[in-house]
Amino acid sequence: MKLPLNIDVQQILLHLLNFTILFGGLYFILYKPVRKIMDEREEHFKKLEEEANGKIEESEKNRVEYENKLKNADSEINAQKEAAGKETFADRERIITAANDEAAKILKKAREKANAEHDRIISDAQKEIAEIVNEATEKIVLDSNLDTYDEFLNAANKDESNV
């Protein structure tokens, strides 16, 4: 059906249908995801703001609490210093006594070990001296025996060559 000015109703309806499909598609493809991202982002920033406000409130409470503690800290510090001084003095005396006892034990053990080591070294030295003397004696005896034997062989060889 043709209208004046060459307008076709069917074409107009098709264009309206295309426009509706295009609008619906763009709505689902672009608008909804973008809107969803925007809502998520807005929610994220709200959470961040709430967390920041909570932390600010908490830090304010902590600040007030620390200020109160600082006011009372001087008296507590003096009391603790006094108690620590007494405790330190008692510990010092106990440690000195224990250290003196331990030093006496260590000196006694060291003297015993030194005496034992001295005796062992003397004994080892005597054994080594005896071994060295034995080796030297054996060497001298063997050398003198070999020299005598060599002289005998040389004399025997001379007699054979003279005969």
N, C-alpha and C. Protein backbone atom coordinates (compact mmCIF):
# COMPACT_ATOMS: atom_id res chain seq x y z
N MET A 1 0.83 -1.15 0.00
CA MET A 1 0.00 0.00 0.00
C MET A 1 0.88 1.23 0.00
N LYS A 2 0.55 2.10 -0.90
CA LYS A 2 1.36 3.29 -1.11
C LYS A 2 0.55 4.50 -0.71
N LEU A 3 1.17 5.35 0.00
CA LEU A 3 0.56 6.59 0.43
C LEU A 3 1.15 7.71 -0.42
N PRO A 4 0.56 8.87 -0.31
CA PRO A 4 1.14 9.96 -1.08
C PRO A 4 2.57 10.24 -0.61
N LEU A 5 3.34 10.84 -1.39
CA LEU A 5 4.74 11.19 -1.20
C LEU A 5 5.62 9.94 -1.17
N ASN A 6 5.12 8.93 -1.74
CA ASN A 6 5.88 7.70 -1.89
C ASN A 6 6.26 7.10 -0.52
N ILE A 7 5.35 7.12 0.41
CA ILE A 7 5.57 6.57 1.75
C ILE A 7 4.94 5.20 1.77
N ASP A 8 5.71 4.23 2.24
CA ASP A 8 5.23 2.86 2.30
C ASP A 8 5.07 2.49 3.78
N VAL A 9 3.88 2.10 4.18
CA VAL A 9 3.57 1.79 5.58
C VAL A 9 4.36 0.56 6.02
N GLN A 10 4.49 -0.38 5.12
CA GLN A 10 5.24 -1.59 5.44
C GLN A 10 6.70 -1.24 5.78
N GLN A 11 7.29 -0.35 5.03
CA GLN A 11 8.67 0.08 5.29
C GLN A 11 8.76 0.79 6.64
N ILE A 12 7.77 1.58 6.93
CA ILE A 12 7.77 2.30 8.21
C ILE A 12 7.67 1.30 9.35
N LEU A 13 6.82 0.30 9.22
CA LEU A 13 6.68 -0.71 10.26
C LEU A 13 7.96 -1.53 10.42
N LEU A 14 8.58 -1.86 9.29
CA LEU A 14 9.85 -2.60 9.35
C LEU A 14 10.93 -1.76 10.04
N HIS A 15 10.95 -0.48 9.71
CA HIS A 15 11.93 0.40 10.37
C HIS A 15 11.65 0.50 11.86
N LEU A 16 10.37 0.57 12.23
CA LEU A 16 10.03 0.61 13.65
C LEU A 16 10.43 -0.70 14.34
N LEU A 17 10.21 -1.83 13.66
CA LEU A 17 10.61 -3.13 14.21
C LEU A 17 12.14 -3.19 14.37
N ASN A 18 12.86 -2.75 13.33
CA ASN A 18 14.33 -2.72 13.41
C ASN A 18 14.81 -1.82 14.54
N PHE A 19 14.17 -0.66 14.66
CA PHE A 19 14.54 0.26 15.73
C PHE A 19 14.29 -0.37 17.10
N THR A 20 13.16 -1.06 17.24
CA THR A 20 12.83 -1.72 18.50
C THR A 20 13.84 -2.82 18.82
N ILE A 21 14.17 -3.64 17.80
CA ILE A 21 15.16 -4.71 17.99
C ILE A 21 16.53 -4.10 18.34
N LEU A 22 16.91 -3.05 17.61
CA LEU A 22 18.18 -2.38 17.88
C LEU A 22 18.20 -1.81 19.29
N PHE A 23 17.14 -1.14 19.67
CA PHE A 23 17.06 -0.55 21.00
C PHE A 23 17.11 -1.64 22.07
N GLY A 24 16.34 -2.72 21.87
CA GLY A 24 16.33 -3.84 22.83
C GLY A 24 17.70 -4.51 22.91
N GLY A 25 18.33 -4.75 21.75
CA GLY A 25 19.66 -5.37 21.74
C GLY A 25 20.69 -4.50 22.44
N LEU A 26 20.68 -3.21 22.11
CA LEU A 26 21.64 -2.30 22.75
C LEU A 26 21.38 -2.21 24.25
N TYR A 27 20.10 -2.27 24.62
CA TYR A 27 19.77 -2.21 26.04
C TYR A 27 20.39 -3.40 26.77
N PHE A 28 20.22 -4.60 26.21
CA PHE A 28 20.75 -5.80 26.85
C PHE A 28 22.26 -5.92 26.70
N ILE A 29 22.80 -5.50 25.59
CA ILE A 29 24.23 -5.64 25.32
C ILE A 29 25.04 -4.55 26.01
N LEU A 30 24.58 -3.32 25.97
CA LEU A 30 25.38 -2.21 26.49
C LEU A 30 24.86 -1.65 27.81
N TYR A 31 23.59 -1.27 27.83
CA TYR A 31 23.09 -0.52 28.97
C TYR A 31 23.10 -1.35 30.25
N LYS A 32 22.59 -2.59 30.19
CA LYS A 32 22.51 -3.41 31.39
C LYS A 32 23.90 -3.72 31.96
N PRO A 33 24.87 -4.17 31.16
CA PRO A 33 26.20 -4.45 31.73
C PRO A 33 26.87 -3.19 32.28
N VAL A 34 26.72 -2.07 31.55
CA VAL A 34 27.33 -0.83 32.03
C VAL A 34 26.67 -0.40 33.32
N ARG A 35 25.36 -0.52 33.38
CA ARG A 35 24.64 -0.14 34.59
C ARG A 35 25.04 -1.06 35.75
N LYS A 36 25.21 -2.34 35.44
CA LYS A 36 25.62 -3.30 36.46
C LYS A 36 27.01 -2.93 37.00
N ILE A 37 27.92 -2.62 36.12
CA ILE A 37 29.28 -2.22 36.52
C ILE A 37 29.23 -0.95 37.35
N MET A 38 28.42 -0.01 36.93
CA MET A 38 28.30 1.25 37.68
C MET A 38 27.74 0.99 39.09
N ASP A 39 26.71 0.11 39.18
CA ASP A 39 26.14 -0.21 40.49
C ASP A 39 27.18 -0.92 41.37
N GLU A 40 27.93 -1.87 40.78
CA GLU A 40 28.97 -2.57 41.54
C GLU A 40 30.04 -1.60 42.03
N ARG A 41 30.41 -0.69 41.17
CA ARG A 41 31.44 0.29 41.53
C ARG A 41 30.93 1.20 42.66
N GLU A 42 29.67 1.61 42.52
CA GLU A 42 29.09 2.46 43.55
C GLU A 42 29.03 1.71 44.88
N GLU A 43 28.66 0.43 44.83
CA GLU A 43 28.61 -0.39 46.04
C GLU A 43 30.00 -0.56 46.64
N HIS A 44 30.99 -0.77 45.77
CA HIS A 44 32.38 -0.92 46.23
C HIS A 44 32.85 0.34 46.95
N PHE A 45 32.57 1.49 46.38
CA PHE A 45 33.00 2.74 47.01
C PHE A 45 32.23 3.02 48.30
N LYS A 46 30.97 2.58 48.37
CA LYS A 46 30.23 2.72 49.62
C LYS A 46 30.87 1.87 50.72
N LYS A 47 31.26 0.63 50.34
CA LYS A 47 31.92 -0.23 51.31
C LYS A 47 33.24 0.38 51.77
N LEU A 48 34.00 0.91 50.82
CA LEU A 48 35.27 1.55 51.18
C LEU A 48 35.05 2.72 52.12
N GLU A 49 34.01 3.50 51.84
CA GLU A 49 33.71 4.65 52.69
C GLU A 49 33.29 4.19 54.09
N GLU A 50 32.47 3.13 54.15
CA GLU A 50 32.05 2.61 55.45
C GLU A 50 33.26 2.09 56.23
N GLU A 51 34.15 1.36 55.54
CA GLU A 51 35.35 0.85 56.21
C GLU A 51 36.22 2.00 56.70
N ALA A 52 36.37 3.01 55.87
CA ALA A 52 37.19 4.16 56.26
C ALA A 52 36.58 4.86 57.46
N ASN A 53 35.25 5.04 57.45
CA ASN A 53 34.59 5.67 58.59
C ASN A 53 34.75 4.83 59.86
N GLY A 54 34.63 3.51 59.69
CA GLY A 54 34.81 2.61 60.84
C GLY A 54 36.23 2.70 61.39
N LYS A 55 37.20 2.76 60.50
CA LYS A 55 38.59 2.87 60.94
C LYS A 55 38.86 4.22 61.59
N ILE A 56 38.23 5.24 61.07
CA ILE A 56 38.39 6.57 61.68
C ILE A 56 37.83 6.56 63.10
N GLU A 57 36.64 5.97 63.26
CA GLU A 57 36.04 5.90 64.60
C GLU A 57 36.91 5.07 65.54
N GLU A 58 37.40 3.95 65.03
CA GLU A 58 38.26 3.08 65.84
C GLU A 58 39.55 3.80 66.24
N SER A 59 40.15 4.51 65.29
CA SER A 59 41.39 5.23 65.60
C SER A 59 41.12 6.35 66.60
N GLU A 60 39.97 6.97 66.51
CA GLU A 60 39.62 8.02 67.48
C GLU A 60 39.48 7.42 68.88
N LYS A 61 38.83 6.25 68.97
CA LYS A 61 38.71 5.57 70.26
C LYS A 61 40.09 5.21 70.80
N ASN A 62 40.93 4.67 69.92
CA ASN A 62 42.29 4.30 70.33
C ASN A 62 43.08 5.52 70.80
N ARG A 63 42.92 6.63 70.11
CA ARG A 63 43.63 7.86 70.48
C ARG A 63 43.22 8.30 71.88
N VAL A 64 41.91 8.29 72.14
CA VAL A 64 41.42 8.69 73.46
C VAL A 64 41.95 7.72 74.53
N GLU A 65 41.91 6.43 74.21
CA GLU A 65 42.40 5.42 75.16
C GLU A 65 43.89 5.60 75.44
N TYR A 66 44.67 5.85 74.40
CA TYR A 66 46.11 6.05 74.58
C TYR A 66 46.41 7.33 75.36
N GLU A 67 45.63 8.37 75.13
CA GLU A 67 45.83 9.60 75.90
C GLU A 67 45.58 9.34 77.39
N ASN A 68 44.55 8.56 77.68
CA ASN A 68 44.27 8.22 79.09
C ASN A 68 45.40 7.37 79.67
N LYS A 69 45.89 6.44 78.89
CA LYS A 69 46.99 5.60 79.36
C LYS A 69 48.25 6.43 79.59
N LEU A 70 48.51 7.40 78.73
CA LEU A 70 49.68 8.25 78.90
C LEU A 70 49.60 9.06 80.18
N LYS A 71 48.40 9.48 80.53
CA LYS A 71 48.24 10.26 81.76
C LYS A 71 48.61 9.41 82.98
N ASN A 72 48.27 8.12 82.94
CA ASN A 72 48.53 7.23 84.08
C ASN A 72 49.88 6.54 83.97
N ALA A 73 50.58 6.72 82.89
CA ALA A 73 51.81 5.98 82.63
C ALA A 73 52.93 6.36 83.59
N ASP A 74 53.05 7.63 83.96
CA ASP A 74 54.15 8.07 84.82
C ASP A 74 54.15 7.33 86.16
N SER A 75 53.00 7.25 86.79
CA SER A 75 52.94 6.58 88.09
C SER A 75 53.22 5.08 87.93
N GLU A 76 52.72 4.49 86.87
CA GLU A 76 52.97 3.07 86.63
C GLU A 76 54.45 2.82 86.36
N ILE A 77 55.06 3.72 85.59
CA ILE A 77 56.48 3.57 85.26
C ILE A 77 57.33 3.64 86.52
N ASN A 78 57.05 4.60 87.39
CA ASN A 78 57.81 4.72 88.63
C ASN A 78 57.66 3.48 89.51
N ALA A 79 56.45 2.96 89.61
CA ALA A 79 56.21 1.76 90.41
C ALA A 79 56.95 0.57 89.82
N GLN A 80 56.91 0.44 88.50
CA GLN A 80 57.60 -0.67 87.84
C GLN A 80 59.11 -0.54 87.97
N LYS A 81 59.63 0.69 87.90
CA LYS A 81 61.07 0.90 88.06
C LYS A 81 61.52 0.47 89.46
N GLU A 82 60.73 0.84 90.44
CA GLU A 82 61.06 0.49 91.82
C GLU A 82 61.06 -1.03 92.00
N ALA A 83 60.03 -1.68 91.49
CA ALA A 83 59.94 -3.14 91.61
C ALA A 83 61.07 -3.81 90.83
N ALA A 84 61.36 -3.30 89.66
CA ALA A 84 62.43 -3.87 88.83
C ALA A 84 63.78 -3.69 89.50
N GLY A 85 64.00 -2.55 90.16
CA GLY A 85 65.26 -2.32 90.86
C GLY A 85 65.47 -3.33 91.97
N LYS A 86 64.43 -3.57 92.76
CA LYS A 86 64.54 -4.56 93.84
C LYS A 86 64.78 -5.95 93.28
N GLU A 87 64.05 -6.28 92.25
CA GLU A 87 64.18 -7.60 91.63
C GLU A 87 65.56 -7.77 91.00
N THR A 88 66.04 -6.71 90.38
CA THR A 88 67.35 -6.76 89.74
C THR A 88 68.46 -6.96 90.78
N PHE A 89 68.36 -6.27 91.89
CA PHE A 89 69.36 -6.42 92.94
C PHE A 89 69.39 -7.85 93.46
N ALA A 90 68.22 -8.42 93.71
CA ALA A 90 68.15 -9.81 94.20
C ALA A 90 68.71 -10.77 93.15
N ASP A 91 68.34 -10.57 91.90
CA ASP A 91 68.85 -11.41 90.82
C ASP A 91 70.36 -11.28 90.70
N ARG A 92 70.85 -10.06 90.84
CA ARG A 92 72.29 -9.82 90.71
C ARG A 92 73.06 -10.60 91.78
N GLU A 93 72.57 -10.53 93.00
CA GLU A 93 73.23 -11.25 94.10
C GLU A 93 73.19 -12.76 93.86
N ARG A 94 72.05 -13.24 93.43
CA ARG A 94 71.91 -14.68 93.16
C ARG A 94 72.83 -15.12 92.03
N ILE A 95 72.90 -14.32 90.98
CA ILE A 95 73.75 -14.65 89.82
C ILE A 95 75.22 -14.62 90.21
N ILE A 96 75.61 -13.63 91.01
CA ILE A 96 77.02 -13.54 91.42
C ILE A 96 77.40 -14.76 92.26
N THR A 97 76.54 -15.16 93.17
CA THR A 97 76.81 -16.33 94.00
C THR A 97 76.91 -17.58 93.13
N ALA A 98 75.97 -17.74 92.20
CA ALA A 98 76.00 -18.91 91.32
C ALA A 98 77.24 -18.89 90.44
N ALA A 99 77.63 -17.72 89.96
CA ALA A 99 78.81 -17.61 89.10
C ALA A 99 80.08 -17.95 89.88
N ASN A 100 80.18 -17.50 91.13
CA ASN A 100 81.34 -17.84 91.95
C ASN A 100 81.42 -19.34 92.20
N ASP A 101 80.28 -19.96 92.50
CA ASP A 101 80.26 -21.42 92.70
C ASP A 101 80.67 -22.14 91.43
N GLU A 102 80.13 -21.71 90.32
CA GLU A 102 80.45 -22.33 89.02
C GLU A 102 81.92 -22.14 88.69
N ALA A 103 82.45 -20.96 88.97
CA ALA A 103 83.87 -20.69 88.69
C ALA A 103 84.75 -21.61 89.52
N ALA A 104 84.40 -21.83 90.77
CA ALA A 104 85.18 -22.73 91.63
C ALA A 104 85.15 -24.15 91.07
N LYS A 105 83.97 -24.60 90.64
CA LYS A 105 83.86 -25.94 90.05
C LYS A 105 84.70 -26.06 88.78
N ILE A 106 84.62 -25.03 87.94
CA ILE A 106 85.37 -25.05 86.67
C ILE A 106 86.87 -25.07 86.95
N LEU A 107 87.33 -24.27 87.91
CA LEU A 107 88.76 -24.26 88.24
C LEU A 107 89.21 -25.62 88.76
N LYS A 108 88.39 -26.24 89.60
CA LYS A 108 88.74 -27.55 90.13
C LYS A 108 88.84 -28.57 89.00
N LYS A 109 87.85 -28.58 88.11
CA LYS A 109 87.87 -29.52 86.98
C LYS A 109 89.06 -29.24 86.07
N ALA A 110 89.34 -27.95 85.84
CA ALA A 110 90.46 -27.59 84.96
C ALA A 110 91.78 -28.06 85.56
N ARG A 111 91.94 -27.90 86.87
CA ARG A 111 93.18 -28.37 87.51
C ARG A 111 93.30 -29.89 87.40
N GLU A 112 92.19 -30.59 87.64
CA GLU A 112 92.21 -32.05 87.52
C GLU A 112 92.55 -32.47 86.10
N LYS A 113 91.94 -31.82 85.13
CA LYS A 113 92.23 -32.15 83.72
C LYS A 113 93.67 -31.83 83.38
N ALA A 114 94.16 -30.69 83.87
CA ALA A 114 95.54 -30.30 83.57
C ALA A 114 96.51 -31.32 84.17
N ASN A 115 96.26 -31.76 85.40
CA ASN A 115 97.13 -32.77 86.02
C ASN A 115 97.07 -34.08 85.24
N ALA A 116 95.87 -34.49 84.85
CA ALA A 116 95.72 -35.73 84.08
C ALA A 116 96.43 -35.60 82.74
N GLU A 117 96.27 -34.46 82.09
CA GLU A 117 96.92 -34.23 80.79
C GLU A 117 98.44 -34.21 80.97
N HIS A 118 98.90 -33.59 82.05
CA HIS A 118 100.34 -33.54 82.32
C HIS A 118 100.89 -34.96 82.49
N ASP A 119 100.19 -35.77 83.28
CA ASP A 119 100.63 -37.16 83.50
C ASP A 119 100.61 -37.94 82.20
N ARG A 120 99.57 -37.74 81.39
CA ARG A 120 99.47 -38.46 80.11
C ARG A 120 100.60 -38.04 79.17
N ILE A 121 100.87 -36.74 79.11
CA ILE A 121 101.94 -36.24 78.22
C ILE A 121 103.29 -36.79 78.66
N ILE A 122 103.55 -36.81 79.97
CA ILE A 122 104.82 -37.36 80.48
C ILE A 122 104.93 -38.83 80.11
N SER A 123 103.84 -39.57 80.31
CA SER A 123 103.84 -41.00 79.99
C SER A 123 104.07 -41.22 78.50
N ASP A 124 103.36 -40.45 77.66
CA ASP A 124 103.55 -40.57 76.21
C ASP A 124 104.96 -40.20 75.80
N ALA A 125 105.50 -39.16 76.42
CA ALA A 125 106.86 -38.74 76.08
C ALA A 125 107.86 -39.83 76.46
N GLN A 126 107.66 -40.46 77.62
CA GLN A 126 108.56 -41.54 78.04
C GLN A 126 108.48 -42.71 77.07
N LYS A 127 107.25 -43.03 76.62
CA LYS A 127 107.09 -44.12 75.65
C LYS A 127 107.77 -43.79 74.34
N GLU A 128 107.60 -42.55 73.88
CA GLU A 128 108.23 -42.13 72.62
C GLU A 128 109.75 -42.15 72.74
N ILE A 129 110.26 -41.70 73.86
CA ILE A 129 111.72 -41.72 74.06
C ILE A 129 112.22 -43.15 74.04
N ALA A 130 111.49 -44.06 74.69
CA ALA A 130 111.90 -45.47 74.70
C ALA A 130 111.88 -46.04 73.29
N GLU A 131 110.85 -45.71 72.51
CA GLU A 131 110.77 -46.20 71.13
C GLU A 131 111.91 -45.65 70.29
N ILE A 132 112.20 -44.36 70.45
CA ILE A 132 113.28 -43.74 69.67
C ILE A 132 114.62 -44.38 70.04
N VAL A 133 114.84 -44.63 71.32
CA VAL A 133 116.10 -45.27 71.77
C VAL A 133 116.19 -46.67 71.18
N ASN A 134 115.07 -47.42 71.21
CA ASN A 134 115.08 -48.77 70.64
C ASN A 134 115.37 -48.74 69.15
N GLU A 135 114.73 -47.82 68.44
CA GLU A 135 114.96 -47.72 66.99
C GLU A 135 116.40 -47.34 66.71
N ALA A 136 116.94 -46.40 67.47
CA ALA A 136 118.33 -45.99 67.25
C ALA A 136 119.28 -47.14 67.54
N THR A 137 119.01 -47.88 68.59
CA THR A 137 119.86 -49.02 68.95
C THR A 137 119.81 -50.07 67.86
N GLU A 138 118.60 -50.38 67.38
CA GLU A 138 118.46 -51.37 66.31
C GLU A 138 119.20 -50.92 65.06
N LYS A 139 119.09 -49.68 64.75
CA LYS A 139 119.74 -49.14 63.56
C LYS A 139 121.26 -49.25 63.69
N ILE A 140 121.76 -48.90 64.85
CA ILE A 140 123.22 -48.97 65.07
C ILE A 140 123.69 -50.41 64.98
N VAL A 141 122.95 -51.32 65.59
CA VAL A 141 123.33 -52.74 65.57
C VAL A 141 123.26 -53.26 64.15
N LEU A 142 122.19 -52.95 63.42
CA LEU A 142 122.06 -53.43 62.04
C LEU A 142 123.14 -52.84 61.16
N ASP A 143 123.41 -51.56 61.33
CA ASP A 143 124.45 -50.92 60.52
C ASP A 143 125.81 -51.54 60.79
N SER A 144 126.10 -51.82 62.06
CA SER A 144 127.41 -52.41 62.38
C SER A 144 127.49 -53.84 61.85
N ASN A 145 126.38 -54.59 61.91
CA ASN A 145 126.36 -55.95 61.36
C ASN A 145 126.53 -55.91 59.85
N LEU A 146 125.84 -54.98 59.20
CA LEU A 146 125.95 -54.89 57.73
C LEU A 146 127.37 -54.48 57.33
N ASP A 147 127.95 -53.55 58.09
CA ASP A 147 129.33 -53.14 57.77
C ASP A 147 130.29 -54.32 57.94
N THR A 148 130.14 -55.09 58.96
CA THR A 148 131.01 -56.26 59.20
C THR A 148 130.82 -57.27 58.08
N TYR A 149 129.59 -57.51 57.70
CA TYR A 149 129.30 -58.47 56.64
C TYR A 149 129.89 -57.99 55.32
N ASP A 150 129.73 -56.66 55.03
CA ASP A 150 130.30 -56.09 53.80
C ASP A 150 131.82 -56.22 53.79
N GLU A 151 132.47 -56.01 54.92
CA GLU A 151 133.92 -56.14 55.00
C GLU A 151 134.34 -57.58 54.73
N PHE A 152 133.58 -58.52 55.29
CA PHE A 152 133.90 -59.93 55.07
C PHE A 152 133.78 -60.29 53.60
N LEU A 153 132.69 -59.81 52.96
CA LEU A 153 132.50 -60.11 51.54
C LEU A 153 133.59 -59.46 50.69
N ASN A 154 133.95 -58.25 51.02
CA ASN A 154 135.02 -57.56 50.28
C ASN A 154 136.34 -58.31 50.44
N ALA A 155 136.64 -58.77 51.64
CA ALA A 155 137.89 -59.51 51.88
C ALA A 155 137.87 -60.82 51.12
N ALA A 156 136.71 -61.47 51.09
CA ALA A 156 136.61 -62.74 50.38
C ALA A 156 136.78 -62.52 48.89
N ASN A 157 136.23 -61.45 48.37
CA ASN A 157 136.38 -61.15 46.94
C ASN A 157 137.83 -60.82 46.59
N LYS A 158 138.53 -60.17 47.47
CA LYS A 158 139.93 -59.84 47.21
C LYS A 158 140.77 -61.11 47.21
N ASP A 159 140.49 -62.03 48.12
CA ASP A 159 141.24 -63.27 48.18
C ASP A 159 141.01 -64.08 46.92
N GLU A 160 139.83 -64.09 46.40
CA GLU A 160 139.54 -64.84 45.18
C GLU A 160 140.22 -64.22 43.99
N SER A 161 140.24 -62.92 43.94
CA SER A 161 140.89 -62.29 42.81
C SER A 161 142.40 -62.44 42.91
N ASN A 162 142.98 -62.57 44.06
CA ASN A 162 144.42 -62.76 44.22
C ASN A 162 144.81 -64.20 43.94
N VAL A 163 143.99 -65.07 44.07
CA VAL A 163 144.34 -66.47 43.86
C VAL A 163 144.43 -66.78 42.43
